[in-house]
Amino acid sequence: MATETDESDMGLGLTVLFALVALVGAGAMFAAPGQLNKAWGFGLAMLAATLAVVAAQLYA
């Protein structure tokens, strides 16, 4: 029985994109002045890292 699979690089692309956004958030966490800005950087990094994992799993 023959089966066909379609492979897409969308999962890889989204994973890399969200990983870069997570790095920006982590950089803001360390470089931003004030605790509130650091907290927003942390939140951005955590959200983007979560979305990177979801994208890798969803399109794998």
C-alpha atoms as a PDB file:
ATOM      1  CA  MET A   1       0.000   0.000   0.000  1.00  0.00           C
ATOM      2  CA  ALA A   2       1.562   3.274  -1.104  1.00  0.00           C
ATOM      3  CA  THR A   3       1.316   6.349   1.019  1.00  0.00           C
ATOM      4  CA  GLU A   4       2.304   9.884   0.210  1.00  0.00           C
ATOM      5  CA  THR A   5       3.514  12.503   2.604  1.00  0.00           C
ATOM      6  CA  ASP A   6       3.766  16.205   1.995  1.00  0.00           C
ATOM      7  CA  GLU A   7       6.661  17.821   3.768  1.00  0.00           C
ATOM      8  CA  SER A   8       6.816  21.506   4.439  1.00  0.00           C
ATOM      9  CA  ASP A   9       9.486  23.708   5.897  1.00  0.00           C
ATOM     10  CA  MET A  10       6.899  25.906   7.573  1.00  0.00           C
ATOM     11  CA  GLY A  11       7.488  24.279  10.948  1.00  0.00           C
ATOM     12  CA  LEU A  12      11.203  24.916  10.741  1.00  0.00           C
ATOM     13  CA  GLY A  13      10.703  28.484   9.561  1.00  0.00           C
ATOM     14  CA  LEU A  14       8.222  29.317  12.303  1.00  0.00           C
ATOM     15  CA  THR A  15      10.438  27.676  14.904  1.00  0.00           C
ATOM     16  CA  VAL A  16      13.425  29.772  13.840  1.00  0.00           C
ATOM     17  CA  LEU A  17      11.304  32.929  13.710  1.00  0.00           C
ATOM     18  CA  PHE A  18       9.915  32.439  17.207  1.00  0.00           C
ATOM     19  CA  ALA A  19      13.357  31.487  18.521  1.00  0.00           C
ATOM     20  CA  LEU A  20      14.720  34.789  17.219  1.00  0.00           C
ATOM     21  CA  VAL A  21      11.840  36.669  18.839  1.00  0.00           C
ATOM     22  CA  ALA A  22      12.619  34.824  22.080  1.00  0.00           C
ATOM     23  CA  LEU A  23      16.239  35.967  21.828  1.00  0.00           C
ATOM     24  CA  VAL A  24      15.083  39.558  21.385  1.00  0.00           C
ATOM     25  CA  GLY A  25      12.891  39.202  24.464  1.00  0.00           C
ATOM     26  CA  ALA A  26      15.772  37.731  26.459  1.00  0.00           C
ATOM     27  CA  GLY A  27      18.005  40.579  25.332  1.00  0.00           C
ATOM     28  CA  ALA A  28      15.377  43.083  26.422  1.00  0.00           C
ATOM     29  CA  MET A  29      15.161  41.304  29.749  1.00  0.00           C
ATOM     30  CA  PHE A  30      18.841  42.025  30.388  1.00  0.00           C
ATOM     31  CA  ALA A  31      19.314  45.375  28.640  1.00  0.00           C
ATOM     32  CA  ALA A  32      16.057  47.225  29.251  1.00  0.00           C
ATOM     33  CA  PRO A  33      15.971  49.850  31.976  1.00  0.00           C
ATOM     34  CA  GLY A  34      13.454  49.332  34.762  1.00  0.00           C
ATOM     35  CA  GLN A  35      11.834  46.275  36.226  1.00  0.00           C
ATOM     36  CA  LEU A  36       8.612  46.610  34.241  1.00  0.00           C
ATOM     37  CA  ASN A  37      10.465  46.601  30.914  1.00  0.00           C
ATOM     38  CA  LYS A  38      12.519  43.607  32.032  1.00  0.00           C
ATOM     39  CA  ALA A  39       9.289  41.815  32.947  1.00  0.00           C
ATOM     40  CA  TRP A  40       7.849  42.499  29.488  1.00  0.00           C
ATOM     41  CA  GLY A  41      11.050  41.138  27.938  1.00  0.00           C
ATOM     42  CA  PHE A  42      10.750  37.993  30.043  1.00  0.00           C
ATOM     43  CA  GLY A  43       7.106  37.589  29.054  1.00  0.00           C
ATOM     44  CA  LEU A  44       7.945  38.012  25.379  1.00  0.00           C
ATOM     45  CA  ALA A  45      10.779  35.489  25.627  1.00  0.00           C
ATOM     46  CA  MET A  46       8.587  32.905  27.356  1.00  0.00           C
ATOM     47  CA  LEU A  47       5.678  33.338  24.943  1.00  0.00           C
ATOM     48  CA  ALA A  48       7.895  33.164  21.866  1.00  0.00           C
ATOM     49  CA  ALA A  49       9.741  30.100  23.186  1.00  0.00           C
ATOM     50  CA  THR A  50       6.423  28.370  23.819  1.00  0.00           C
ATOM     51  CA  LEU A  51       5.219  29.209  20.317  1.00  0.00           C
ATOM     52  CA  ALA A  52       8.505  27.917  18.861  1.00  0.00           C
ATOM     53  CA  VAL A  53       7.963  24.541  20.510  1.00  0.00           C
ATOM     54  CA  VAL A  54       4.315  24.458  19.420  1.00  0.00           C
ATOM     55  CA  ALA A  55       5.254  25.273  15.813  1.00  0.00           C
ATOM     56  CA  ALA A  56       7.905  22.548  15.772  1.00  0.00           C
ATOM     57  CA  GLN A  57       5.428  19.982  17.105  1.00  0.00           C
ATOM     58  CA  LEU A  58       2.453  21.092  15.044  1.00  0.00           C
ATOM     59  CA  TYR A  59       4.165  20.989  11.664  1.00  0.00           C
ATOM     60  CA  ALA A  60       6.475  18.024  12.314  1.00  0.00           C
END
